[in-house]
Amino acid sequence: MGASLFLSLLAFGIHLPFWGVGILLVVLNLGGLIPSSPGSMGTYHWLAVTTLGALGIARTEALSFALINHALWYVPQVIAGLVILWRANLTAWSLGRDLRA
């Protein structure tokens, strides 16, 4: 995850020292413990923008990074989950029904 975060930052032209990438990684991962909306929408972005801002990165640049980086992690996971449901002949509704029974 650290290497992926580092490469994503480089792709956006954001150059942080090694320890800065480490701090961002820790904050984003620990931020997953905070109760939030599904997919950590909002919480992840706020944490990324705030942390990058404290490290001297402009707010607009930090927000664009947070939106794209979050999508790079979130979208493939959702697609993989949908493919697995489809291959197993399941739906989200049938899983919910099974849990209530």
PDB file of N, CA and C in Angstrom:
ATOM      1  N   MET A   1       0.814  -1.190   0.000  1.00  0.00           N
ATOM      2  CA  MET A   1       0.000   0.000   0.000  1.00  0.00           C
ATOM      3  C   MET A   1       0.856   1.251   0.000  1.00  0.00           C
ATOM      4  N   GLY A   2       1.939   1.184   0.727  1.00  0.00           N
ATOM      5  CA  GLY A   2       2.832   2.336   0.780  1.00  0.00           C
ATOM      6  C   GLY A   2       3.438   2.663  -0.572  1.00  0.00           C
ATOM      7  N   ALA A   3       3.848   1.626  -1.297  1.00  0.00           N
ATOM      8  CA  ALA A   3       4.426   1.839  -2.626  1.00  0.00           C
ATOM      9  C   ALA A   3       3.380   2.405  -3.584  1.00  0.00           C
ATOM     10  N   SER A   4       2.166   1.884  -3.496  1.00  0.00           N
ATOM     11  CA  SER A   4       1.085   2.378  -4.343  1.00  0.00           C
ATOM     12  C   SER A   4       0.780   3.846  -4.035  1.00  0.00           C
ATOM     13  N   LEU A   5       0.739   4.183  -2.763  1.00  0.00           N
ATOM     14  CA  LEU A   5       0.486   5.567  -2.370  1.00  0.00           C
ATOM     15  C   LEU A   5       1.613   6.473  -2.856  1.00  0.00           C
ATOM     16  N   PHE A   6       2.836   6.031  -2.696  1.00  0.00           N
ATOM     17  CA  PHE A   6       3.992   6.805  -3.141  1.00  0.00           C
ATOM     18  C   PHE A   6       3.931   7.053  -4.648  1.00  0.00           C
ATOM     19  N   LEU A   7       3.624   5.999  -5.419  1.00  0.00           N
ATOM     20  CA  LEU A   7       3.553   6.146  -6.875  1.00  0.00           C
ATOM     21  C   LEU A   7       2.378   7.021  -7.303  1.00  0.00           C
ATOM     22  N   SER A   8       1.263   6.931  -6.583  1.00  0.00           N
ATOM     23  CA  SER A   8       0.112   7.797  -6.883  1.00  0.00           C
ATOM     24  C   SER A   8       0.463   9.260  -6.633  1.00  0.00           C
ATOM     25  N   LEU A   9       1.158   9.516  -5.541  1.00  0.00           N
ATOM     26  CA  LEU A   9       1.584  10.886  -5.245  1.00  0.00           C
ATOM     27  C   LEU A   9       2.512  11.406  -6.342  1.00  0.00           C
ATOM     28  N   LEU A  10       3.443  10.575  -6.777  1.00  0.00           N
ATOM     29  CA  LEU A  10       4.355  10.978  -7.850  1.00  0.00           C
ATOM     30  C   LEU A  10       3.599  11.263  -9.142  1.00  0.00           C
ATOM     31  N   ALA A  11       2.587  10.474  -9.431  1.00  0.00           N
ATOM     32  CA  ALA A  11       1.799  10.681 -10.649  1.00  0.00           C
ATOM     33  C   ALA A  11       1.109  12.039 -10.630  1.00  0.00           C
ATOM     34  N   PHE A  12       0.784  12.529  -9.444  1.00  0.00           N
ATOM     35  CA  PHE A  12       0.163  13.840  -9.315  1.00  0.00           C
ATOM     36  C   PHE A  12       1.197  14.952  -9.163  1.00  0.00           C
ATOM     37  N   GLY A  13       2.453  14.588  -9.182  1.00  0.00           N
ATOM     38  CA  GLY A  13       3.506  15.593  -9.031  1.00  0.00           C
ATOM     39  C   GLY A  13       3.655  16.080  -7.604  1.00  0.00           C
ATOM     40  N   ILE A  14       3.172  15.281  -6.665  1.00  0.00           N
ATOM     41  CA  ILE A  14       3.287  15.622  -5.247  1.00  0.00           C
ATOM     42  C   ILE A  14       4.513  14.894  -4.708  1.00  0.00           C
ATOM     43  N   HIS A  15       5.505  15.661  -4.311  1.00  0.00           N
ATOM     44  CA  HIS A  15       6.751  15.079  -3.826  1.00  0.00           C
ATOM     45  C   HIS A  15       6.818  15.251  -2.317  1.00  0.00           C
ATOM     46  N   LEU A  16       6.677  14.134  -1.607  1.00  0.00           N
ATOM     47  CA  LEU A  16       6.766  14.132  -0.156  1.00  0.00           C
ATOM     48  C   LEU A  16       7.987  13.331   0.254  1.00  0.00           C
ATOM     49  N   PRO A  17       8.580  13.679   1.386  1.00  0.00           N
ATOM     50  CA  PRO A  17       9.662  12.824   1.903  1.00  0.00           C
ATOM     51  C   PRO A  17       9.070  11.471   2.317  1.00  0.00           C
ATOM     52  N   PHE A  18       9.936  10.500   2.487  1.00  0.00           N
ATOM     53  CA  PHE A  18       9.501   9.154   2.836  1.00  0.00           C
ATOM     54  C   PHE A  18       8.622   9.156   4.082  1.00  0.00           C
ATOM     55  N   TRP A  19       9.012   9.918   5.092  1.00  0.00           N
ATOM     56  CA  TRP A  19       8.235   9.966   6.320  1.00  0.00           C
ATOM     57  C   TRP A  19       6.869  10.601   6.092  1.00  0.00           C
ATOM     58  N   GLY A  20       6.759  11.539   5.145  1.00  0.00           N
ATOM     59  CA  GLY A  20       5.470  12.163   4.836  1.00  0.00           C
ATOM     60  C   GLY A  20       4.504  11.163   4.217  1.00  0.00           C
ATOM     61  N   VAL A  21       5.026  10.308   3.346  1.00  0.00           N
ATOM     62  CA  VAL A  21       4.193   9.247   2.754  1.00  0.00           C
ATOM     63  C   VAL A  21       3.757   8.290   3.855  1.00  0.00           C
ATOM     64  N   GLY A  22       4.652   7.993   4.778  1.00  0.00           N
ATOM     65  CA  GLY A  22       4.324   7.112   5.906  1.00  0.00           C
ATOM     66  C   GLY A  22       3.226   7.697   6.775  1.00  0.00           C
ATOM     67  N   ILE A  23       3.316   8.987   7.064  1.00  0.00           N
ATOM     68  CA  ILE A  23       2.285   9.640   7.880  1.00  0.00           C
ATOM     69  C   ILE A  23       0.938   9.592   7.165  1.00  0.00           C
ATOM     70  N   LEU A  24       0.928   9.917   5.879  1.00  0.00           N
ATOM     71  CA  LEU A  24      -0.311   9.874   5.107  1.00  0.00           C
ATOM     72  C   LEU A  24      -0.895   8.467   5.096  1.00  0.00           C
ATOM     73  N   LEU A  25      -0.068   7.479   4.923  1.00  0.00           N
ATOM     74  CA  LEU A  25      -0.515   6.084   4.910  1.00  0.00           C
ATOM     75  C   LEU A  25      -1.141   5.699   6.253  1.00  0.00           C
ATOM     76  N   VAL A  26      -0.495   6.062   7.334  1.00  0.00           N
ATOM     77  CA  VAL A  26      -1.009   5.741   8.668  1.00  0.00           C
ATOM     78  C   VAL A  26      -2.339   6.447   8.915  1.00  0.00           C
ATOM     79  N   VAL A  27      -2.405   7.731   8.585  1.00  0.00           N
ATOM     80  CA  VAL A  27      -3.641   8.494   8.812  1.00  0.00           C
ATOM     81  C   VAL A  27      -4.795   7.912   8.000  1.00  0.00           C
ATOM     82  N   LEU A  28      -4.564   7.598   6.734  1.00  0.00           N
ATOM     83  CA  LEU A  28      -5.632   7.063   5.892  1.00  0.00           C
ATOM     84  C   LEU A  28      -6.097   5.690   6.369  1.00  0.00           C
ATOM     85  N   ASN A  29      -5.164   4.864   6.818  1.00  0.00           N
ATOM     86  CA  ASN A  29      -5.547   3.537   7.304  1.00  0.00           C
ATOM     87  C   ASN A  29      -6.242   3.602   8.656  1.00  0.00           C
ATOM     88  N   LEU A  30      -5.745   4.418   9.554  1.00  0.00           N
ATOM     89  CA  LEU A  30      -6.418   4.559  10.849  1.00  0.00           C
ATOM     90  C   LEU A  30      -7.757   5.263  10.701  1.00  0.00           C
ATOM     91  N   GLY A  31      -7.885   6.087   9.669  1.00  0.00           N
ATOM     92  CA  GLY A  31      -9.156   6.759   9.405  1.00  0.00           C
ATOM     93  C   GLY A  31     -10.268   5.791   9.075  1.00  0.00           C
ATOM     94  N   GLY A  32      -9.920   4.598   8.625  1.00  0.00           N
ATOM     95  CA  GLY A  32     -10.922   3.576   8.366  1.00  0.00           C
ATOM     96  C   GLY A  32     -11.615   3.101   9.626  1.00  0.00           C
ATOM     97  N   LEU A  33     -11.043   3.393  10.783  1.00  0.00           N
ATOM     98  CA  LEU A  33     -11.660   3.010  12.048  1.00  0.00           C
ATOM     99  C   LEU A  33     -12.759   3.981  12.473  1.00  0.00           C
ATOM    100  N   ILE A  34     -12.765   5.170  11.877  1.00  0.00           N
ATOM    101  CA  ILE A  34     -13.765   6.180  12.221  1.00  0.00           C
ATOM    102  C   ILE A  34     -15.090   5.801  11.567  1.00  0.00           C
ATOM    103  N   PRO A  35     -16.163   5.763  12.350  1.00  0.00           N
ATOM    104  CA  PRO A  35     -17.452   5.476  11.720  1.00  0.00           C
ATOM    105  C   PRO A  35     -17.764   6.524  10.646  1.00  0.00           C
ATOM    106  N   SER A  36     -18.148   6.051   9.467  1.00  0.00           N
ATOM    107  CA  SER A  36     -18.396   6.978   8.364  1.00  0.00           C
ATOM    108  C   SER A  36     -19.425   6.389   7.425  1.00  0.00           C
ATOM    109  N   SER A  37     -19.611   7.069   6.331  1.00  0.00           N
ATOM    110  CA  SER A  37     -20.543   6.595   5.311  1.00  0.00           C
ATOM    111  C   SER A  37     -19.960   5.367   4.610  1.00  0.00           C
ATOM    112  N   PRO A  38     -20.794   4.633   3.859  1.00  0.00           N
ATOM    113  CA  PRO A  38     -20.269   3.471   3.127  1.00  0.00           C
ATOM    114  C   PRO A  38     -19.130   3.871   2.193  1.00  0.00           C
ATOM    115  N   GLY A  39     -18.101   3.055   2.178  1.00  0.00           N
ATOM    116  CA  GLY A  39     -16.955   3.327   1.319  1.00  0.00           C
ATOM    117  C   GLY A  39     -16.065   4.438   1.832  1.00  0.00           C
ATOM    118  N   SER A  40     -16.299   4.910   3.038  1.00  0.00           N
ATOM    119  CA  SER A  40     -15.535   6.017   3.642  1.00  0.00           C
ATOM    120  C   SER A  40     -15.590   7.287   2.811  1.00  0.00           C
ATOM    121  N   MET A  41     -16.671   7.470   2.079  1.00  0.00           N
ATOM    122  CA  MET A  41     -16.818   8.681   1.273  1.00  0.00           C
ATOM    123  C   MET A  41     -16.841   9.893   2.197  1.00  0.00           C
ATOM    124  N   GLY A  42     -16.000  10.813   1.930  1.00  0.00           N
ATOM    125  CA  GLY A  42     -15.918  12.038   2.722  1.00  0.00           C
ATOM    126  C   GLY A  42     -14.831  11.963   3.776  1.00  0.00           C
ATOM    127  N   THR A  43     -14.869  10.930   4.601  1.00  0.00           N
ATOM    128  CA  THR A  43     -13.878  10.782   5.666  1.00  0.00           C
ATOM    129  C   THR A  43     -12.482  10.612   5.075  1.00  0.00           C
ATOM    130  N   TYR A  44     -12.357   9.724   4.116  1.00  0.00           N
ATOM    131  CA  TYR A  44     -11.070   9.471   3.458  1.00  0.00           C
ATOM    132  C   TYR A  44     -10.534  10.761   2.839  1.00  0.00           C
ATOM    133  N   HIS A  45     -11.406  11.481   2.158  1.00  0.00           N
ATOM    134  CA  HIS A  45     -10.993  12.699   1.455  1.00  0.00           C
ATOM    135  C   HIS A  45     -10.586  13.797   2.432  1.00  0.00           C
ATOM    136  N   TRP A  46     -11.369  13.940   3.494  1.00  0.00           N
ATOM    137  CA  TRP A  46     -11.039  14.958   4.497  1.00  0.00           C
ATOM    138  C   TRP A  46      -9.692  14.641   5.147  1.00  0.00           C
ATOM    139  N   LEU A  47      -9.479  13.375   5.496  1.00  0.00           N
ATOM    140  CA  LEU A  47      -8.210  12.992   6.112  1.00  0.00           C
ATOM    141  C   LEU A  47      -7.035  13.233   5.171  1.00  0.00           C
ATOM    142  N   ALA A  48      -7.211  12.874   3.909  1.00  0.00           N
ATOM    143  CA  ALA A  48      -6.130  13.062   2.932  1.00  0.00           C
ATOM    144  C   ALA A  48      -5.817  14.544   2.736  1.00  0.00           C
ATOM    145  N   VAL A  49      -6.856  15.360   2.555  1.00  0.00           N
ATOM    146  CA  VAL A  49      -6.652  16.797   2.326  1.00  0.00           C
ATOM    147  C   VAL A  49      -6.031  17.455   3.550  1.00  0.00           C
ATOM    148  N   THR A  50      -6.501  17.099   4.729  1.00  0.00           N
ATOM    149  CA  THR A  50      -5.970  17.689   5.963  1.00  0.00           C
ATOM    150  C   THR A  50      -4.509  17.289   6.176  1.00  0.00           C
ATOM    151  N   THR A  51      -4.217  16.016   5.986  1.00  0.00           N
ATOM    152  CA  THR A  51      -2.839  15.543   6.180  1.00  0.00           C
ATOM    153  C   THR A  51      -1.897  16.149   5.151  1.00  0.00           C
ATOM    154  N   LEU A  52      -2.301  16.127   3.888  1.00  0.00           N
ATOM    155  CA  LEU A  52      -1.451  16.714   2.851  1.00  0.00           C
ATOM    156  C   LEU A  52      -1.294  18.222   3.055  1.00  0.00           C
ATOM    157  N   GLY A  53      -2.354  18.874   3.518  1.00  0.00           N
ATOM    158  CA  GLY A  53      -2.265  20.308   3.817  1.00  0.00           C
ATOM    159  C   GLY A  53      -1.240  20.586   4.907  1.00  0.00           C
ATOM    160  N   ALA A  54      -1.218  19.732   5.932  1.00  0.00           N
ATOM    161  CA  ALA A  54      -0.234  19.889   7.011  1.00  0.00           C
ATOM    162  C   ALA A  54       1.191  19.642   6.506  1.00  0.00           C
ATOM    163  N   LEU A  55       1.297  18.896   5.405  1.00  0.00           N
ATOM    164  CA  LEU A  55       2.611  18.629   4.817  1.00  0.00           C
ATOM    165  C   LEU A  55       2.975  19.633   3.725  1.00  0.00           C
ATOM    166  N   GLY A  56       2.148  20.689   3.576  1.00  0.00           N
ATOM    167  CA  GLY A  56       2.477  21.778   2.664  1.00  0.00           C
ATOM    168  C   GLY A  56       1.933  21.648   1.253  1.00  0.00           C
ATOM    169  N   ILE A  57       0.962  20.775   1.036  1.00  0.00           N
ATOM    170  CA  ILE A  57       0.378  20.589  -0.292  1.00  0.00           C
ATOM    171  C   ILE A  57      -0.901  21.424  -0.385  1.00  0.00           C
ATOM    172  N   ALA A  58      -1.082  22.088  -1.514  1.00  0.00           N
ATOM    173  CA  ALA A  58      -2.261  22.940  -1.714  1.00  0.00           C
ATOM    174  C   ALA A  58      -3.537  22.118  -1.614  1.00  0.00           C
ATOM    175  N   ARG A  59      -4.586  22.753  -1.100  1.00  0.00           N
ATOM    176  CA  ARG A  59      -5.868  22.079  -0.858  1.00  0.00           C
ATOM    177  C   ARG A  59      -6.469  21.499  -2.133  1.00  0.00           C
ATOM    178  N   THR A  60      -6.450  22.242  -3.226  1.00  0.00           N
ATOM    179  CA  THR A  60      -7.059  21.750  -4.468  1.00  0.00           C
ATOM    180  C   THR A  60      -6.280  20.556  -5.023  1.00  0.00           C
ATOM    181  N   GLU A  61      -4.977  20.622  -4.932  1.00  0.00           N
ATOM    182  CA  GLU A  61      -4.133  19.519  -5.397  1.00  0.00           C
ATOM    183  C   GLU A  61      -4.356  18.281  -4.525  1.00  0.00           C
ATOM    184  N   ALA A  62      -4.465  18.499  -3.221  1.00  0.00           N
ATOM    185  CA  ALA A  62      -4.690  17.388  -2.293  1.00  0.00           C
ATOM    186  C   ALA A  62      -6.060  16.747  -2.523  1.00  0.00           C
ATOM    187  N   LEU A  63      -7.076  17.564  -2.783  1.00  0.00           N
ATOM    188  CA  LEU A  63      -8.413  17.017  -3.012  1.00  0.00           C
ATOM    189  C   LEU A  63      -8.469  16.215  -4.306  1.00  0.00           C
ATOM    190  N   SER A  64      -7.848  16.718  -5.355  1.00  0.00           N
ATOM    191  CA  SER A  64      -7.851  15.966  -6.613  1.00  0.00           C
ATOM    192  C   SER A  64      -7.119  14.636  -6.432  1.00  0.00           C
ATOM    193  N   PHE A  65      -6.029  14.642  -5.694  1.00  0.00           N
ATOM    194  CA  PHE A  65      -5.322  13.395  -5.415  1.00  0.00           C
ATOM    195  C   PHE A  65      -6.215  12.448  -4.621  1.00  0.00           C
ATOM    196  N   ALA A  66      -6.871  12.954  -3.581  1.00  0.00           N
ATOM    197  CA  ALA A  66      -7.701  12.109  -2.719  1.00  0.00           C
ATOM    198  C   ALA A  66      -8.842  11.467  -3.504  1.00  0.00           C
ATOM    199  N   LEU A  67      -9.491  12.224  -4.369  1.00  0.00           N
ATOM    200  CA  LEU A  67     -10.610  11.693  -5.148  1.00  0.00           C
ATOM    201  C   LEU A  67     -10.154  10.575  -6.084  1.00  0.00           C
ATOM    202  N   ILE A  68      -9.079  10.806  -6.806  1.00  0.00           N
ATOM    203  CA  ILE A  68      -8.599   9.804  -7.765  1.00  0.00           C
ATOM    204  C   ILE A  68      -8.010   8.595  -7.042  1.00  0.00           C
ATOM    205  N   ASN A  69      -7.220   8.823  -6.022  1.00  0.00           N
ATOM    206  CA  ASN A  69      -6.601   7.705  -5.305  1.00  0.00           C
ATOM    207  C   ASN A  69      -7.658   6.828  -4.638  1.00  0.00           C
ATOM    208  N   HIS A  70      -8.673   7.445  -4.072  1.00  0.00           N
ATOM    209  CA  HIS A  70      -9.748   6.670  -3.448  1.00  0.00           C
ATOM    210  C   HIS A  70     -10.485   5.852  -4.498  1.00  0.00           C
ATOM    211  N   ALA A  71     -10.733   6.434  -5.643  1.00  0.00           N
ATOM    212  CA  ALA A  71     -11.408   5.706  -6.722  1.00  0.00           C
ATOM    213  C   ALA A  71     -10.556   4.530  -7.201  1.00  0.00           C
ATOM    214  N   LEU A  72      -9.239   4.723  -7.236  1.00  0.00           N
ATOM    215  CA  LEU A  72      -8.353   3.638  -7.670  1.00  0.00           C
ATOM    216  C   LEU A  72      -8.414   2.432  -6.744  1.00  0.00           C
ATOM    217  N   TRP A  73      -8.725   2.644  -5.478  1.00  0.00           N
ATOM    218  CA  TRP A  73      -8.854   1.537  -4.533  1.00  0.00           C
ATOM    219  C   TRP A  73     -10.288   1.024  -4.462  1.00  0.00           C
ATOM    220  N   TYR A  74     -11.240   1.931  -4.490  1.00  0.00           N
ATOM    221  CA  TYR A  74     -12.636   1.569  -4.229  1.00  0.00           C
ATOM    222  C   TYR A  74     -13.304   0.890  -5.423  1.00  0.00           C
ATOM    223  N   VAL A  75     -13.174   1.446  -6.598  1.00  0.00           N
ATOM    224  CA  VAL A  75     -13.875   0.932  -7.784  1.00  0.00           C
ATOM    225  C   VAL A  75     -13.463  -0.509  -8.118  1.00  0.00           C
ATOM    226  N   PRO A  76     -12.181  -0.851  -8.167  1.00  0.00           N
ATOM    227  CA  PRO A  76     -11.842  -2.252  -8.468  1.00  0.00           C
ATOM    228  C   PRO A  76     -12.389  -3.243  -7.433  1.00  0.00           C
ATOM    229  N   GLN A  77     -12.439  -2.844  -6.168  1.00  0.00           N
ATOM    230  CA  GLN A  77     -12.985  -3.729  -5.140  1.00  0.00           C
ATOM    231  C   GLN A  77     -14.473  -3.966  -5.356  1.00  0.00           C
ATOM    232  N   VAL A  78     -15.213  -2.929  -5.698  1.00  0.00           N
ATOM    233  CA  VAL A  78     -16.641  -3.065  -5.951  1.00  0.00           C
ATOM    234  C   VAL A  78     -16.868  -3.940  -7.177  1.00  0.00           C
ATOM    235  N   ILE A  79     -16.113  -3.712  -8.226  1.00  0.00           N
ATOM    236  CA  ILE A  79     -16.259  -4.521  -9.443  1.00  0.00           C
ATOM    237  C   ILE A  79     -15.943  -5.991  -9.148  1.00  0.00           C
ATOM    238  N   ALA A  80     -14.882  -6.244  -8.411  1.00  0.00           N
ATOM    239  CA  ALA A  80     -14.526  -7.624  -8.061  1.00  0.00           C
ATOM    240  C   ALA A  80     -15.640  -8.272  -7.247  1.00  0.00           C
ATOM    241  N   GLY A  81     -16.212  -7.538  -6.305  1.00  0.00           N
ATOM    242  CA  GLY A  81     -17.314  -8.067  -5.506  1.00  0.00           C
ATOM    243  C   GLY A  81     -18.534  -8.386  -6.344  1.00  0.00           C
ATOM    244  N   LEU A  82     -18.864  -7.516  -7.287  1.00  0.00           N
ATOM    245  CA  LEU A  82     -20.006  -7.761  -8.165  1.00  0.00           C
ATOM    246  C   LEU A  82     -19.770  -8.975  -9.067  1.00  0.00           C
ATOM    247  N   VAL A  83     -18.545  -9.122  -9.558  1.00  0.00           N
ATOM    248  CA  VAL A  83     -18.221 -10.290 -10.388  1.00  0.00           C
ATOM    249  C   VAL A  83     -18.349 -11.571  -9.563  1.00  0.00           C
ATOM    250  N   ILE A  84     -17.868 -11.548  -8.341  1.00  0.00           N
ATOM    251  CA  ILE A  84     -17.964 -12.731  -7.479  1.00  0.00           C
ATOM    252  C   ILE A  84     -19.428 -13.067  -7.200  1.00  0.00           C
ATOM    253  N   LEU A  85     -20.241 -12.059  -6.904  1.00  0.00           N
ATOM    254  CA  LEU A  85     -21.678 -12.302  -6.705  1.00  0.00           C
ATOM    255  C   LEU A  85     -22.303 -12.906  -7.953  1.00  0.00           C
ATOM    256  N   TRP A  86     -21.978 -12.356  -9.104  1.00  0.00           N
ATOM    257  CA  TRP A  86     -22.537 -12.829 -10.368  1.00  0.00           C
ATOM    258  C   TRP A  86     -22.127 -14.276 -10.629  1.00  0.00           C
ATOM    259  N   ARG A  87     -20.830 -14.579 -10.418  1.00  0.00           N
ATOM    260  CA  ARG A  87     -20.338 -15.936 -10.670  1.00  0.00           C
ATOM    261  C   ARG A  87     -20.945 -16.952  -9.710  1.00  0.00           C
ATOM    262  N   ALA A  88     -21.288 -16.508  -8.505  1.00  0.00           N
ATOM    263  CA  ALA A  88     -21.883 -17.401  -7.509  1.00  0.00           C
ATOM    264  C   ALA A  88     -23.411 -17.423  -7.617  1.00  0.00           C
ATOM    265  N   ASN A  89     -23.957 -16.742  -8.615  1.00  0.00           N
ATOM    266  CA  ASN A  89     -25.409 -16.675  -8.807  1.00  0.00           C
ATOM    267  C   ASN A  89     -26.120 -16.072  -7.598  1.00  0.00           C
ATOM    268  N   LEU A  90     -25.534 -15.045  -7.019  1.00  0.00           N
ATOM    269  CA  LEU A  90     -26.097 -14.377  -5.853  1.00  0.00           C
ATOM    270  C   LEU A  90     -26.414 -12.928  -6.186  1.00  0.00           C
ATOM    271  N   THR A  91     -27.241 -12.318  -5.364  1.00  0.00           N
ATOM    272  CA  THR A  91     -27.499 -10.889  -5.451  1.00  0.00           C
ATOM    273  C   THR A  91     -27.309 -10.299  -4.056  1.00  0.00           C
ATOM    274  N   ALA A  92     -27.126  -9.014  -3.993  1.00  0.00           N
ATOM    275  CA  ALA A  92     -27.001  -8.350  -2.698  1.00  0.00           C
ATOM    276  C   ALA A  92     -28.276  -8.530  -1.888  1.00  0.00           C
ATOM    277  N   TRP A  93     -29.421  -8.535  -2.562  1.00  0.00           N
ATOM    278  CA  TRP A  93     -30.700  -8.696  -1.867  1.00  0.00           C
ATOM    279  C   TRP A  93     -30.829 -10.089  -1.269  1.00  0.00           C
ATOM    280  N   SER A  94     -30.373 -11.111  -1.982  1.00  0.00           N
ATOM    281  CA  SER A  94     -30.464 -12.459  -1.439  1.00  0.00           C
ATOM    282  C   SER A  94     -29.526 -12.625  -0.237  1.00  0.00           C
ATOM    283  N   LEU A  95     -28.379 -11.981  -0.267  1.00  0.00           N
ATOM    284  CA  LEU A  95     -27.474 -12.039   0.878  1.00  0.00           C
ATOM    285  C   LEU A  95     -28.098 -11.366   2.090  1.00  0.00           C
ATOM    286  N   GLY A  96     -28.745 -10.225   1.885  1.00  0.00           N
ATOM    287  CA  GLY A  96     -29.418  -9.529   2.985  1.00  0.00           C
ATOM    288  C   GLY A  96     -30.552 -10.361   3.557  1.00  0.00           C
ATOM    289  N   ARG A  97     -31.286 -11.041   2.696  1.00  0.00           N
ATOM    290  CA  ARG A  97     -32.404 -11.887   3.129  1.00  0.00           C
ATOM    291  C   ARG A  97     -31.857 -13.051   3.958  1.00  0.00           C
ATOM    292  N   ASP A  98     -30.746 -13.631   3.533  1.00  0.00           N
ATOM    293  CA  ASP A  98     -30.151 -14.743   4.267  1.00  0.00           C
ATOM    294  C   ASP A  98     -29.670 -14.320   5.655  1.00  0.00           C
ATOM    295  N   LEU A  99     -29.183 -13.103   5.766  1.00  0.00           N
ATOM    296  CA  LEU A  99     -28.704 -12.612   7.061  1.00  0.00           C
ATOM    297  C   LEU A  99     -29.852 -12.367   8.039  1.00  0.00           C
ATOM    298  N   ARG A 100     -30.995 -11.950   7.515  1.00  0.00           N
ATOM    299  CA  ARG A 100     -32.148 -11.680   8.381  1.00  0.00           C
ATOM    300  C   ARG A 100     -32.835 -12.968   8.829  1.00  0.00           C
ATOM    301  N   ALA A 101     -32.647 -14.023   8.103  1.00  0.00           N
ATOM    302  CA  ALA A 101     -33.347 -15.286   8.421  1.00  0.00           C
ATOM    303  C   ALA A 101     -32.726 -16.014   9.577  1.00  0.00           C
TER     304      ALA A 101
END
